[in-house]
C-alpha atoms as a PDB file:
ATOM      1  CA  MET A   1       0.012  -0.001   0.001  1.00  0.00           C
ATOM      2  CA  LEU A   2       1.315   3.460  -0.820  1.00  0.00           C
ATOM      3  CA  PRO A   3       0.202   6.005   1.797  1.00  0.00           C
ATOM      4  CA  VAL A   4      -0.432   9.484   0.337  1.00  0.00           C
ATOM      5  CA  THR A   5      -1.130  12.676   2.286  1.00  0.00           C
ATOM      6  CA  ILE A   6      -3.113  15.438   0.579  1.00  0.00           C
ATOM      7  CA  ALA A   7      -2.846  18.612   2.671  1.00  0.00           C
ATOM      8  CA  GLY A   8      -4.687  21.863   1.920  1.00  0.00           C
ATOM      9  CA  ALA A   9      -7.449  20.453  -0.278  1.00  0.00           C
ATOM     10  CA  TRP A  10     -10.121  21.357   2.272  1.00  0.00           C
ATOM     11  CA  ASN A  11      -9.115  25.042   2.169  1.00  0.00           C
ATOM     12  CA  ALA A  12      -8.886  25.086  -1.636  1.00  0.00           C
ATOM     13  CA  TRP A  13     -12.272  23.430  -2.167  1.00  0.00           C
ATOM     14  CA  PRO A  14     -14.461  23.512   0.944  1.00  0.00           C
ATOM     15  CA  VAL A  15     -17.779  21.736   1.118  1.00  0.00           C
ATOM     16  CA  GLY A  16     -20.569  23.810  -0.403  1.00  0.00           C
ATOM     17  CA  ARG A  17     -18.439  25.618  -2.973  1.00  0.00           C
ATOM     18  CA  THR A  18     -19.214  24.913  -6.598  1.00  0.00           C
ATOM     19  CA  LEU A  19     -15.657  25.537  -7.761  1.00  0.00           C
ATOM     20  CA  PRO A  20     -12.310  25.462  -5.982  1.00  0.00           C
ATOM     21  CA  ARG A  21     -10.451  28.653  -5.156  1.00  0.00           C
ATOM     22  CA  ARG A  22      -6.757  29.342  -5.441  1.00  0.00           C
ATOM     23  CA  GLY A  23      -4.769  27.661  -2.759  1.00  0.00           C
ATOM     24  CA  ARG A  24      -1.777  25.497  -2.068  1.00  0.00           C
ATOM     25  CA  VAL A  25      -2.362  21.765  -2.043  1.00  0.00           C
ATOM     26  CA  THR A  26       0.580  19.586  -1.040  1.00  0.00           C
ATOM     27  CA  ILE A  27       0.750  15.918  -1.955  1.00  0.00           C
ATOM     28  CA  THR A  28       3.227  13.745  -0.025  1.00  0.00           C
ATOM     29  CA  TYR A  29       4.008  10.200  -1.121  1.00  0.00           C
ATOM     30  CA  HIS A  30       5.216   8.033   1.738  1.00  0.00           C
ATOM     31  CA  ALA A  31       7.218   4.820   1.709  1.00  0.00           C
ATOM     32  CA  PRO A  32       5.233   1.730   0.698  1.00  0.00           C
ATOM     33  CA  GLU A  33       3.729  -0.315   3.522  1.00  0.00           C
ATOM     34  CA  HIS A  34       3.481  -4.086   3.274  1.00  0.00           C
ATOM     35  CA  PRO A  35       1.244  -6.370   5.336  1.00  0.00           C
ATOM     36  CA  MET A  36       2.851  -8.595   7.950  1.00  0.00           C
ATOM     37  CA  ARG A  37       3.305 -12.209   6.944  1.00  0.00           C
ATOM     38  CA  GLY A  38       2.564 -15.230   9.036  1.00  0.00           C
ATOM     39  CA  VAL A  39      -0.159 -13.618  11.145  1.00  0.00           C
ATOM     40  CA  HIS A  40      -3.944 -13.768  11.046  1.00  0.00           C
ATOM     41  CA  PRO A  41      -5.251 -11.629   8.165  1.00  0.00           C
ATOM     42  CA  ARG A  42      -7.309  -9.482  10.545  1.00  0.00           C
ATOM     43  CA  ASP A  43      -4.199  -8.674  12.614  1.00  0.00           C
ATOM     44  CA  ALA A  44      -2.201  -7.946   9.466  1.00  0.00           C
ATOM     45  CA  ALA A  45      -4.934  -5.589   8.222  1.00  0.00           C
ATOM     46  CA  ARG A  46      -5.128  -3.770  11.560  1.00  0.00           C
ATOM     47  CA  ASP A  47      -1.342  -3.334  11.689  1.00  0.00           C
ATOM     48  CA  LEU A  48      -1.227  -2.111   8.073  1.00  0.00           C
ATOM     49  CA  HIS A  49      -4.013   0.357   8.829  1.00  0.00           C
ATOM     50  CA  ASP A  50      -2.261   1.694  11.926  1.00  0.00           C
ATOM     51  CA  ARG A  51       1.074   2.176  10.100  1.00  0.00           C
ATOM     52  CA  THR A  52      -0.642   3.832   7.134  1.00  0.00           C
ATOM     53  CA  VAL A  53      -2.598   6.255   9.341  1.00  0.00           C
ATOM     54  CA  ALA A  54       0.597   7.149  11.231  1.00  0.00           C
ATOM     55  CA  ALA A  55       2.464   7.857   7.997  1.00  0.00           C
ATOM     56  CA  ILE A  56      -0.309  10.086   6.671  1.00  0.00           C
ATOM     57  CA  ALA A  57      -0.683  11.948   9.965  1.00  0.00           C
ATOM     58  CA  SER A  58       3.044  12.647  10.094  1.00  0.00           C
ATOM     59  CA  ALA A  59       2.713  14.989   7.108  1.00  0.00           C
ATOM     60  CA  LEU A  60      -0.268  16.989   8.372  1.00  0.00           C
END
């Protein structure tokens, strides 16, 4: 999975606006995350989710 952070999109195109306005939107591509092997699929999915959320949050 490739975590991607998109920062500033809310300010550039808030809910309720028909068109976006000028603004800076920053896209950050993080290192790929791979699921753990040899564990129950549910545990692997939870771990992958947690690592992905942490990577995305680190750029906000």
